[in-house]
Amino acid sequence: MIRKSLVLLWMLFPVGVAAYHFNEGPDQMARERAHVKLREIERLSRQKEPDWEEIIRGYNELASELPADENPAVFYQIRLAVCEARLEMLDLENAIVELTRLLQETATVYGENAPLTRGVREQLGKAHYYATWVLKTSGASEDEWRPFAERSRQLFRFLAELEDPDEFQDYEQRVRREFDKAVGRANSSKE
């Protein structure tokens, strides 16, 4: 009896392998490759002088390696990470355009107060703050930088009021500190 059961299991083993291979196997392998790629990207971003263009290429490769039926939130998070890398490079125009598009999509799919939407909105506020600072320090007129400053203020106020009205000041201070760090890194890499 035990011998027959073992022979039957042995004969059914290829059926199980084939079922896995033609159903979940390729998707799982793609996810595992993506996980390795993500660890590599994280390693690159922790370097003293990260190569943000290489990191963006890595995220784009990561998105292309994932299965098409992957959770849409994963693709949104990858796009958000690419925008964060663009902010580190001070590629503000492209970051603002993509973050605006991403904000509309995540708000439609997940709602205004979803963690992913809040993360996108915070990065968009940061991008507008950076744009304000860059324009002001390069001698642009108030008519040029004021819309970016106002949009940044609106985004941070909206975020703060969703959670706690007293948080607005904390958001502005945190963005200012992060921007000072990013500008310091950008200036040191140019020297």
N, C-alpha and C. Protein backbone atom coordinates (compact mmCIF):
# COMPACT_ATOMS: atom_id res chain seq x y z
N MET A 1 0.82 -1.20 0.00
CA MET A 1 0.00 0.00 0.00
C MET A 1 0.87 1.26 0.00
N ILE A 2 1.87 1.32 0.87
CA ILE A 2 2.76 2.48 0.92
C ILE A 2 3.54 2.58 -0.38
N ARG A 3 3.95 1.43 -0.89
CA ARG A 3 4.71 1.41 -2.12
C ARG A 3 3.89 1.97 -3.29
N LYS A 4 2.62 1.58 -3.37
CA LYS A 4 1.74 2.08 -4.43
C LYS A 4 1.54 3.60 -4.30
N SER A 5 1.42 4.07 -3.06
CA SER A 5 1.25 5.51 -2.84
C SER A 5 2.48 6.28 -3.28
N LEU A 6 3.66 5.75 -2.96
CA LEU A 6 4.90 6.42 -3.36
C LEU A 6 5.06 6.42 -4.88
N VAL A 7 4.72 5.30 -5.52
CA VAL A 7 4.80 5.24 -6.98
C VAL A 7 3.82 6.23 -7.60
N LEU A 8 2.63 6.30 -7.05
CA LEU A 8 1.63 7.25 -7.57
C LEU A 8 2.11 8.69 -7.40
N LEU A 9 2.66 9.01 -6.23
CA LEU A 9 3.20 10.37 -6.02
C LEU A 9 4.34 10.66 -6.99
N TRP A 10 5.20 9.68 -7.18
CA TRP A 10 6.31 9.85 -8.10
C TRP A 10 5.82 10.09 -9.53
N MET A 11 4.77 9.41 -9.91
CA MET A 11 4.21 9.58 -11.26
C MET A 11 3.49 10.91 -11.40
N LEU A 12 2.91 11.43 -10.33
CA LEU A 12 2.20 12.71 -10.39
C LEU A 12 3.12 13.92 -10.25
N PHE A 13 4.33 13.70 -9.78
CA PHE A 13 5.27 14.81 -9.59
C PHE A 13 5.46 15.64 -10.86
N PRO A 14 5.69 15.02 -12.04
CA PRO A 14 5.84 15.84 -13.26
C PRO A 14 4.60 16.66 -13.59
N VAL A 15 3.43 16.15 -13.23
CA VAL A 15 2.20 16.91 -13.48
C VAL A 15 2.21 18.19 -12.64
N GLY A 16 2.61 18.07 -11.39
CA GLY A 16 2.68 19.24 -10.51
C GLY A 16 3.71 20.25 -11.00
N VAL A 17 4.87 19.74 -11.43
CA VAL A 17 5.92 20.63 -11.95
C VAL A 17 5.42 21.34 -13.21
N ALA A 18 4.78 20.61 -14.10
CA ALA A 18 4.26 21.22 -15.34
C ALA A 18 3.19 22.26 -15.03
N ALA A 19 2.32 21.95 -14.08
CA ALA A 19 1.27 22.91 -13.72
C ALA A 19 1.89 24.19 -13.15
N TYR A 20 2.88 24.05 -12.29
CA TYR A 20 3.55 25.23 -11.73
C TYR A 20 4.26 26.01 -12.83
N HIS A 21 4.97 25.27 -13.70
CA HIS A 21 5.75 25.92 -14.76
C HIS A 21 4.87 26.73 -15.71
N PHE A 22 3.71 26.21 -16.06
CA PHE A 22 2.87 26.89 -17.03
C PHE A 22 1.88 27.86 -16.40
N ASN A 23 1.81 27.91 -15.07
CA ASN A 23 0.90 28.84 -14.40
C ASN A 23 1.68 29.90 -13.63
N GLU A 24 2.10 29.60 -12.44
CA GLU A 24 2.75 30.59 -11.57
C GLU A 24 4.26 30.66 -11.73
N GLY A 25 4.87 29.65 -12.30
CA GLY A 25 6.33 29.59 -12.38
C GLY A 25 6.99 30.81 -13.01
N PRO A 26 6.64 31.15 -14.24
CA PRO A 26 7.30 32.29 -14.87
C PRO A 26 7.08 33.61 -14.12
N ASP A 27 5.88 33.81 -13.61
CA ASP A 27 5.61 35.04 -12.85
C ASP A 27 6.44 35.09 -11.58
N GLN A 28 6.53 33.96 -10.90
CA GLN A 28 7.30 33.93 -9.66
C GLN A 28 8.79 34.15 -9.95
N MET A 29 9.29 33.56 -11.02
CA MET A 29 10.69 33.77 -11.38
C MET A 29 10.94 35.24 -11.73
N ALA A 30 10.00 35.87 -12.42
CA ALA A 30 10.14 37.29 -12.75
C ALA A 30 10.14 38.13 -11.48
N ARG A 31 9.30 37.79 -10.52
CA ARG A 31 9.28 38.53 -9.26
C ARG A 31 10.59 38.36 -8.50
N GLU A 32 11.14 37.17 -8.54
CA GLU A 32 12.42 36.94 -7.86
C GLU A 32 13.54 37.73 -8.52
N ARG A 33 13.56 37.77 -9.85
CA ARG A 33 14.56 38.59 -10.55
C ARG A 33 14.37 40.06 -10.22
N ALA A 34 13.11 40.49 -10.15
CA ALA A 34 12.82 41.89 -9.81
C ALA A 34 13.29 42.20 -8.39
N HIS A 35 13.12 41.26 -7.49
CA HIS A 35 13.57 41.47 -6.11
C HIS A 35 15.09 41.66 -6.05
N VAL A 36 15.82 40.85 -6.81
CA VAL A 36 17.28 40.99 -6.86
C VAL A 36 17.64 42.36 -7.45
N LYS A 37 16.92 42.76 -8.50
CA LYS A 37 17.17 44.06 -9.13
C LYS A 37 16.89 45.20 -8.15
N LEU A 38 15.83 45.07 -7.37
CA LEU A 38 15.50 46.10 -6.39
C LEU A 38 16.60 46.22 -5.33
N ARG A 39 17.13 45.11 -4.87
CA ARG A 39 18.23 45.15 -3.89
C ARG A 39 19.45 45.86 -4.48
N GLU A 40 19.72 45.62 -5.76
CA GLU A 40 20.83 46.29 -6.44
C GLU A 40 20.59 47.81 -6.51
N ILE A 41 19.37 48.20 -6.84
CA ILE A 41 19.03 49.62 -6.90
C ILE A 41 19.19 50.26 -5.53
N GLU A 42 18.73 49.59 -4.49
CA GLU A 42 18.86 50.12 -3.13
C GLU A 42 20.33 50.27 -2.75
N ARG A 43 21.16 49.31 -3.16
CA ARG A 43 22.60 49.40 -2.89
C ARG A 43 23.19 50.62 -3.59
N LEU A 44 22.80 50.83 -4.84
CA LEU A 44 23.30 51.99 -5.59
C LEU A 44 22.88 53.31 -4.94
N SER A 45 21.67 53.36 -4.44
CA SER A 45 21.18 54.62 -3.86
C SER A 45 21.81 54.93 -2.50
N ARG A 46 22.39 53.93 -1.85
CA ARG A 46 23.05 54.16 -0.56
C ARG A 46 24.50 54.59 -0.70
N GLN A 47 25.01 54.60 -1.91
CA GLN A 47 26.39 55.01 -2.12
C GLN A 47 26.57 56.48 -1.75
N LYS A 48 27.80 56.86 -1.47
CA LYS A 48 28.07 58.24 -1.09
C LYS A 48 27.70 59.21 -2.21
N GLU A 49 28.02 58.86 -3.44
CA GLU A 49 27.68 59.68 -4.62
C GLU A 49 26.84 58.83 -5.56
N PRO A 50 25.53 58.70 -5.31
CA PRO A 50 24.71 57.82 -6.16
C PRO A 50 24.65 58.32 -7.61
N ASP A 51 24.67 57.37 -8.53
CA ASP A 51 24.48 57.67 -9.95
C ASP A 51 22.98 57.56 -10.22
N TRP A 52 22.29 58.70 -10.15
CA TRP A 52 20.83 58.71 -10.24
C TRP A 52 20.33 58.26 -11.60
N GLU A 53 21.09 58.54 -12.66
CA GLU A 53 20.67 58.08 -13.98
C GLU A 53 20.70 56.56 -14.05
N GLU A 54 21.71 55.95 -13.47
CA GLU A 54 21.78 54.48 -13.43
C GLU A 54 20.65 53.92 -12.58
N ILE A 55 20.32 54.60 -11.51
CA ILE A 55 19.22 54.17 -10.65
C ILE A 55 17.89 54.24 -11.41
N ILE A 56 17.68 55.30 -12.17
CA ILE A 56 16.47 55.42 -12.98
C ILE A 56 16.40 54.30 -14.02
N ARG A 57 17.54 54.02 -14.67
CA ARG A 57 17.57 52.91 -15.63
C ARG A 57 17.22 51.60 -14.92
N GLY A 58 17.74 51.42 -13.72
CA GLY A 58 17.44 50.21 -12.95
C GLY A 58 15.96 50.08 -12.65
N TYR A 59 15.33 51.18 -12.26
CA TYR A 59 13.89 51.14 -11.99
C TYR A 59 13.09 50.84 -13.26
N ASN A 60 13.52 51.40 -14.39
CA ASN A 60 12.83 51.12 -15.65
C ASN A 60 12.97 49.64 -16.04
N GLU A 61 14.16 49.08 -15.83
CA GLU A 61 14.36 47.65 -16.09
C GLU A 61 13.49 46.82 -15.14
N LEU A 62 13.44 47.24 -13.89
CA LEU A 62 12.63 46.54 -12.89
C LEU A 62 11.17 46.48 -13.34
N ALA A 63 10.65 47.61 -13.78
CA ALA A 63 9.25 47.66 -14.22
C ALA A 63 9.02 46.76 -15.43
N SER A 64 9.99 46.70 -16.33
CA SER A 64 9.81 45.86 -17.53
C SER A 64 9.93 44.38 -17.21
N GLU A 65 10.62 44.02 -16.13
CA GLU A 65 10.79 42.60 -15.78
C GLU A 65 9.60 42.03 -15.02
N LEU A 66 8.79 42.88 -14.42
CA LEU A 66 7.66 42.38 -13.63
C LEU A 66 6.58 41.82 -14.53
N PRO A 67 5.83 40.84 -14.04
CA PRO A 67 4.72 40.29 -14.84
C PRO A 67 3.68 41.37 -15.11
N ALA A 68 3.02 41.27 -16.23
CA ALA A 68 2.02 42.27 -16.63
C ALA A 68 0.85 42.32 -15.66
N ASP A 69 0.55 41.20 -14.99
CA ASP A 69 -0.58 41.17 -14.07
C ASP A 69 -0.18 41.53 -12.63
N GLU A 70 0.98 42.13 -12.46
CA GLU A 70 1.43 42.55 -11.13
C GLU A 70 0.48 43.60 -10.58
N ASN A 71 0.42 43.70 -9.29
CA ASN A 71 -0.42 44.69 -8.63
C ASN A 71 -0.06 46.09 -9.15
N PRO A 72 -1.04 46.87 -9.62
CA PRO A 72 -0.75 48.21 -10.15
C PRO A 72 -0.03 49.12 -9.15
N ALA A 73 -0.25 48.92 -7.86
CA ALA A 73 0.42 49.74 -6.86
C ALA A 73 1.93 49.60 -6.96
N VAL A 74 2.42 48.43 -7.34
CA VAL A 74 3.86 48.22 -7.48
C VAL A 74 4.41 49.11 -8.59
N PHE A 75 3.71 49.18 -9.71
CA PHE A 75 4.15 50.03 -10.82
C PHE A 75 4.08 51.51 -10.43
N TYR A 76 3.05 51.90 -9.68
CA TYR A 76 2.97 53.28 -9.20
C TYR A 76 4.13 53.60 -8.28
N GLN A 77 4.49 52.67 -7.41
CA GLN A 77 5.61 52.90 -6.50
C GLN A 77 6.93 53.02 -7.25
N ILE A 78 7.08 52.24 -8.31
CA ILE A 78 8.30 52.34 -9.12
C ILE A 78 8.36 53.70 -9.80
N ARG A 79 7.23 54.14 -10.35
CA ARG A 79 7.20 55.46 -10.99
C ARG A 79 7.49 56.56 -9.97
N LEU A 80 6.98 56.42 -8.75
CA LEU A 80 7.26 57.39 -7.70
C LEU A 80 8.75 57.40 -7.36
N ALA A 81 9.36 56.23 -7.29
CA ALA A 81 10.79 56.15 -6.99
C ALA A 81 11.63 56.80 -8.09
N VAL A 82 11.20 56.64 -9.35
CA VAL A 82 11.90 57.30 -10.46
C VAL A 82 11.80 58.82 -10.30
N CYS A 83 10.63 59.30 -9.92
CA CYS A 83 10.46 60.75 -9.72
C CYS A 83 11.33 61.25 -8.57
N GLU A 84 11.44 60.46 -7.52
CA GLU A 84 12.30 60.85 -6.40
C GLU A 84 13.76 60.95 -6.85
N ALA A 85 14.18 60.02 -7.72
CA ALA A 85 15.54 60.08 -8.26
C ALA A 85 15.71 61.32 -9.12
N ARG A 86 14.69 61.64 -9.89
CA ARG A 86 14.76 62.87 -10.71
C ARG A 86 14.89 64.11 -9.83
N LEU A 87 14.20 64.12 -8.71
CA LEU A 87 14.32 65.25 -7.78
C LEU A 87 15.74 65.35 -7.24
N GLU A 88 16.35 64.21 -6.96
CA GLU A 88 17.73 64.22 -6.48
C GLU A 88 18.67 64.80 -7.52
N MET A 89 18.36 64.60 -8.80
CA MET A 89 19.16 65.14 -9.90
C MET A 89 18.79 66.58 -10.22
N LEU A 90 17.75 67.09 -9.55
CA LEU A 90 17.19 68.41 -9.82
C LEU A 90 16.65 68.51 -11.25
N ASP A 91 16.14 67.38 -11.78
CA ASP A 91 15.44 67.34 -13.07
C ASP A 91 13.98 67.66 -12.76
N LEU A 92 13.74 68.92 -12.42
CA LEU A 92 12.46 69.32 -11.85
C LEU A 92 11.31 69.30 -12.85
N GLU A 93 11.56 69.72 -14.07
CA GLU A 93 10.48 69.78 -15.05
C GLU A 93 9.88 68.40 -15.30
N ASN A 94 10.74 67.42 -15.56
CA ASN A 94 10.24 66.06 -15.81
C ASN A 94 9.59 65.46 -14.56
N ALA A 95 10.18 65.75 -13.40
CA ALA A 95 9.62 65.22 -12.16
C ALA A 95 8.23 65.79 -11.90
N ILE A 96 8.05 67.08 -12.11
CA ILE A 96 6.75 67.71 -11.87
C ILE A 96 5.69 67.17 -12.83
N VAL A 97 6.05 67.03 -14.09
CA VAL A 97 5.09 66.51 -15.08
C VAL A 97 4.66 65.10 -14.71
N GLU A 98 5.62 64.23 -14.41
CA GLU A 98 5.30 62.84 -14.10
C GLU A 98 4.57 62.72 -12.76
N LEU A 99 4.98 63.50 -11.76
CA LEU A 99 4.30 63.45 -10.46
C LEU A 99 2.87 63.94 -10.56
N THR A 100 2.62 64.95 -11.38
CA THR A 100 1.25 65.45 -11.57
C THR A 100 0.38 64.36 -12.19
N ARG A 101 0.90 63.70 -13.20
CA ARG A 101 0.17 62.60 -13.85
C ARG A 101 -0.06 61.46 -12.85
N LEU A 102 0.97 61.12 -12.10
CA LEU A 102 0.88 60.03 -11.13
C LEU A 102 -0.10 60.36 -10.00
N LEU A 103 -0.15 61.61 -9.58
CA LEU A 103 -1.09 62.03 -8.55
C LEU A 103 -2.53 61.85 -9.03
N GLN A 104 -2.81 62.25 -10.26
CA GLN A 104 -4.15 62.08 -10.81
C GLN A 104 -4.54 60.60 -10.86
N GLU A 105 -3.61 59.76 -11.29
CA GLU A 105 -3.90 58.33 -11.42
C GLU A 105 -4.12 57.68 -10.06
N THR A 106 -3.22 57.94 -9.10
CA THR A 106 -3.35 57.29 -7.79
C THR A 106 -4.57 57.80 -7.04
N ALA A 107 -4.89 59.08 -7.17
CA ALA A 107 -6.07 59.61 -6.50
C ALA A 107 -7.34 58.99 -7.07
N THR A 108 -7.36 58.76 -8.37
CA THR A 108 -8.51 58.13 -9.00
C THR A 108 -8.65 56.68 -8.56
N VAL A 109 -7.56 55.95 -8.53
CA VAL A 109 -7.60 54.52 -8.23
C VAL A 109 -7.74 54.25 -6.74
N TYR A 110 -6.98 54.96 -5.89
CA TYR A 110 -6.90 54.63 -4.47
C TYR A 110 -7.58 55.65 -3.56
N GLY A 111 -7.88 56.83 -4.07
CA GLY A 111 -8.50 57.85 -3.24
C GLY A 111 -7.49 58.90 -2.79
N GLU A 112 -8.01 60.02 -2.34
CA GLU A 112 -7.17 61.17 -1.96
C GLU A 112 -6.30 60.92 -0.73
N ASN A 113 -6.77 60.10 0.19
CA ASN A 113 -6.04 59.95 1.45
C ASN A 113 -5.31 58.61 1.55
N ALA A 114 -5.16 57.90 0.45
CA ALA A 114 -4.42 56.64 0.47
C ALA A 114 -2.94 56.93 0.69
N PRO A 115 -2.22 56.04 1.36
CA PRO A 115 -0.79 56.28 1.61
C PRO A 115 0.01 56.54 0.34
N LEU A 116 -0.28 55.81 -0.73
CA LEU A 116 0.44 56.02 -1.99
C LEU A 116 0.15 57.41 -2.56
N THR A 117 -1.10 57.82 -2.53
CA THR A 117 -1.47 59.14 -3.04
C THR A 117 -0.83 60.23 -2.19
N ARG A 118 -0.82 60.05 -0.89
CA ARG A 118 -0.16 61.03 -0.01
C ARG A 118 1.33 61.12 -0.31
N GLY A 119 1.97 59.98 -0.57
CA GLY A 119 3.39 59.98 -0.91
C GLY A 119 3.67 60.72 -2.20
N VAL A 120 2.82 60.52 -3.19
CA VAL A 120 2.97 61.22 -4.47
C VAL A 120 2.76 62.72 -4.26
N ARG A 121 1.73 63.07 -3.50
CA ARG A 121 1.44 64.48 -3.26
C ARG A 121 2.60 65.16 -2.52
N GLU A 122 3.18 64.46 -1.57
CA GLU A 122 4.32 65.04 -0.83
C GLU A 122 5.51 65.26 -1.76
N GLN A 123 5.80 64.30 -2.63
CA GLN A 123 6.91 64.47 -3.57
C GLN A 123 6.63 65.60 -4.56
N LEU A 124 5.38 65.75 -4.97
CA LEU A 124 5.02 66.84 -5.88
C LEU A 124 5.19 68.19 -5.17
N GLY A 125 4.79 68.26 -3.91
CA GLY A 125 5.01 69.49 -3.14
C GLY A 125 6.49 69.80 -3.03
N LYS A 126 7.27 68.78 -2.80
CA LYS A 126 8.72 68.94 -2.70
C LYS A 126 9.30 69.44 -4.02
N ALA A 127 8.81 68.89 -5.13
CA ALA A 127 9.30 69.30 -6.45
C ALA A 127 8.99 70.77 -6.72
N HIS A 128 7.80 71.21 -6.34
CA HIS A 128 7.44 72.62 -6.52
C HIS A 128 8.28 73.51 -5.59
N TYR A 129 8.54 73.05 -4.40
CA TYR A 129 9.40 73.81 -3.49
C TYR A 129 10.80 73.95 -4.08
N TYR A 130 11.35 72.84 -4.59
CA TYR A 130 12.68 72.89 -5.21
C TYR A 130 12.69 73.86 -6.39
N ALA A 131 11.63 73.79 -7.21
CA ALA A 131 11.56 74.68 -8.37
C ALA A 131 11.53 76.14 -7.93
N THR A 132 10.79 76.41 -6.86
CA THR A 132 10.75 77.77 -6.33
C THR A 132 12.14 78.22 -5.93
N TRP A 133 12.83 77.39 -5.19
CA TRP A 133 14.15 77.74 -4.69
C TRP A 133 15.13 77.95 -5.84
N VAL A 134 15.11 77.05 -6.83
CA VAL A 134 16.03 77.16 -7.96
C VAL A 134 15.75 78.45 -8.74
N LEU A 135 14.48 78.75 -8.98
CA LEU A 135 14.15 79.97 -9.72
C LEU A 135 14.53 81.23 -8.94
N LYS A 136 14.26 81.22 -7.64
CA LYS A 136 14.60 82.40 -6.83
C LYS A 136 16.10 82.64 -6.79
N THR A 137 16.87 81.57 -6.60
CA THR A 137 18.32 81.74 -6.49
C THR A 137 18.99 82.02 -7.83
N SER A 138 18.31 81.73 -8.93
CA SER A 138 18.90 82.02 -10.24
C SER A 138 18.47 83.40 -10.75
N GLY A 139 17.75 84.15 -9.92
CA GLY A 139 17.41 85.51 -10.28
C GLY A 139 16.13 85.67 -11.07
N ALA A 140 15.28 84.67 -11.07
CA ALA A 140 14.01 84.76 -11.81
C ALA A 140 13.09 85.77 -11.12
N SER A 141 12.19 86.34 -11.89
CA SER A 141 11.26 87.31 -11.33
C SER A 141 10.24 86.59 -10.45
N GLU A 142 9.58 87.37 -9.61
CA GLU A 142 8.58 86.78 -8.73
C GLU A 142 7.43 86.16 -9.53
N ASP A 143 7.11 86.74 -10.67
CA ASP A 143 6.06 86.18 -11.52
C ASP A 143 6.40 84.76 -11.99
N GLU A 144 7.69 84.46 -12.10
CA GLU A 144 8.10 83.13 -12.54
C GLU A 144 8.09 82.11 -11.39
N TRP A 145 8.58 82.49 -10.23
CA TRP A 145 8.68 81.50 -9.15
C TRP A 145 7.45 81.44 -8.24
N ARG A 146 6.65 82.48 -8.20
CA ARG A 146 5.50 82.52 -7.30
C ARG A 146 4.50 81.37 -7.54
N PRO A 147 4.16 81.01 -8.78
CA PRO A 147 3.21 79.89 -8.97
C PRO A 147 3.71 78.57 -8.37
N PHE A 148 5.02 78.32 -8.46
CA PHE A 148 5.57 77.10 -7.88
C PHE A 148 5.49 77.13 -6.36
N ALA A 149 5.77 78.30 -5.79
CA ALA A 149 5.69 78.45 -4.34
C ALA A 149 4.25 78.26 -3.86
N GLU A 150 3.33 78.84 -4.58
CA GLU A 150 1.92 78.72 -4.20
C GLU A 150 1.44 77.28 -4.32
N ARG A 151 1.83 76.60 -5.38
CA ARG A 151 1.42 75.20 -5.55
C ARG A 151 2.01 74.33 -4.45
N SER A 152 3.25 74.57 -4.10
CA SER A 152 3.88 73.83 -3.01
C SER A 152 3.12 74.05 -1.71
N ARG A 153 2.79 75.28 -1.43
CA ARG A 153 2.05 75.60 -0.21
C ARG A 153 0.70 74.89 -0.19
N GLN A 154 0.00 74.89 -1.33
CA GLN A 154 -1.31 74.24 -1.41
C GLN A 154 -1.20 72.74 -1.17
N LEU A 155 -0.20 72.12 -1.77
CA LEU A 155 -0.04 70.67 -1.62
C LEU A 155 0.26 70.30 -0.16
N PHE A 156 1.16 71.05 0.46
CA PHE A 156 1.51 70.73 1.85
C PHE A 156 0.36 71.04 2.80
N ARG A 157 -0.36 72.10 2.53
CA ARG A 157 -1.52 72.41 3.37
C ARG A 157 -2.57 71.31 3.25
N PHE A 158 -2.81 70.84 2.02
CA PHE A 158 -3.78 69.77 1.81
C PHE A 158 -3.35 68.52 2.58
N LEU A 159 -2.08 68.17 2.47
CA LEU A 159 -1.57 67.00 3.19
C LEU A 159 -1.74 67.16 4.70
N ALA A 160 -1.38 68.31 5.18
CA ALA A 160 -1.45 68.54 6.63
C ALA A 160 -2.89 68.53 7.12
N GLU A 161 -3.78 69.13 6.36
CA GLU A 161 -5.17 69.20 6.81
C GLU A 161 -5.87 67.85 6.72
N LEU A 162 -5.40 66.98 5.85
CA LEU A 162 -5.97 65.63 5.82
C LEU A 162 -5.69 64.89 7.12
N GLU A 163 -4.53 65.10 7.65
CA GLU A 163 -4.07 64.39 8.84
C GLU A 163 -4.29 65.22 10.10
N ASP A 164 -3.60 66.35 10.17
CA ASP A 164 -3.62 67.18 11.38
C ASP A 164 -3.26 68.61 10.96
N PRO A 165 -4.11 69.58 11.23
CA PRO A 165 -3.82 70.95 10.79
C PRO A 165 -2.49 71.50 11.30
N ASP A 166 -1.99 71.02 12.41
CA ASP A 166 -0.72 71.53 12.94
C ASP A 166 0.49 70.96 12.20
N GLU A 167 0.27 69.97 11.34
CA GLU A 167 1.38 69.34 10.63
C GLU A 167 1.93 70.20 9.49
N PHE A 168 1.20 71.18 9.04
CA PHE A 168 1.62 71.96 7.88
C PHE A 168 3.02 72.52 8.06
N GLN A 169 3.31 73.10 9.20
CA GLN A 169 4.63 73.68 9.45
C GLN A 169 5.71 72.60 9.43
N ASP A 170 5.40 71.43 10.00
CA ASP A 170 6.37 70.33 10.01
C ASP A 170 6.72 69.89 8.59
N TYR A 171 5.74 69.83 7.71
CA TYR A 171 6.00 69.44 6.32
C TYR A 171 6.96 70.42 5.66
N GLU A 172 6.68 71.70 5.82
CA GLU A 172 7.54 72.71 5.18
C GLU A 172 8.97 72.62 5.70
N GLN A 173 9.14 72.46 6.99
CA GLN A 173 10.48 72.37 7.56
C GLN A 173 11.21 71.12 7.09
N ARG A 174 10.50 70.00 7.01
CA ARG A 174 11.13 68.76 6.57
C ARG A 174 11.56 68.88 5.11
N VAL A 175 10.73 69.45 4.26
CA VAL A 175 11.09 69.62 2.85
C VAL A 175 12.28 70.55 2.72
N ARG A 176 12.31 71.61 3.49
CA ARG A 176 13.42 72.55 3.44
C ARG A 176 14.73 71.85 3.81
N ARG A 177 14.72 71.01 4.85
CA ARG A 177 15.92 70.28 5.26
C ARG A 177 16.36 69.30 4.17
N GLU A 178 15.41 68.56 3.59
CA GLU A 178 15.75 67.60 2.54
C GLU A 178 16.30 68.30 1.31
N PHE A 179 15.74 69.46 0.99
CA PHE A 179 16.21 70.19 -0.18
C PHE A 179 17.63 70.70 0.06
N ASP A 180 17.89 71.22 1.24
CA ASP A 180 19.24 71.69 1.55
C ASP A 180 20.26 70.56 1.39
N LYS A 181 19.88 69.35 1.80
CA LYS A 181 20.78 68.21 1.64
C LYS A 181 20.98 67.90 0.16
N ALA A 182 19.91 67.93 -0.63
CA ALA A 182 20.01 67.61 -2.06
C ALA A 182 20.86 68.65 -2.78
N VAL A 183 20.69 69.92 -2.45
CA VAL A 183 21.48 70.97 -3.09
C VAL A 183 22.94 70.83 -2.69
N GLY A 184 23.18 70.49 -1.43
CA GLY A 184 24.56 70.27 -0.99
C GLY A 184 25.23 69.13 -1.75
N ARG A 185 24.49 68.03 -1.98
CA ARG A 185 25.03 66.91 -2.75
C ARG A 185 25.26 67.32 -4.20
N ALA A 186 24.34 68.07 -4.77
CA ALA A 186 24.48 68.49 -6.17
C ALA A 186 25.68 69.42 -6.32
N ASN A 187 25.87 70.33 -5.37
CA ASN A 187 27.00 71.25 -5.43
C ASN A 187 28.32 70.52 -5.23
N SER A 188 28.36 69.54 -4.34
CA SER A 188 29.62 68.81 -4.11
C SER A 188 29.97 67.93 -5.29
N SER A 189 28.98 67.44 -6.03
CA SER A 189 29.29 66.61 -7.20
C SER A 189 29.78 67.45 -8.37
N LYS A 190 29.44 68.75 -8.39
CA LYS A 190 29.90 69.63 -9.48
C LYS A 190 31.32 70.09 -9.25
N GLU A 191 31.76 70.05 -8.00
CA GLU A 191 33.11 70.56 -7.68
C GLU A 191 34.18 69.58 -8.04
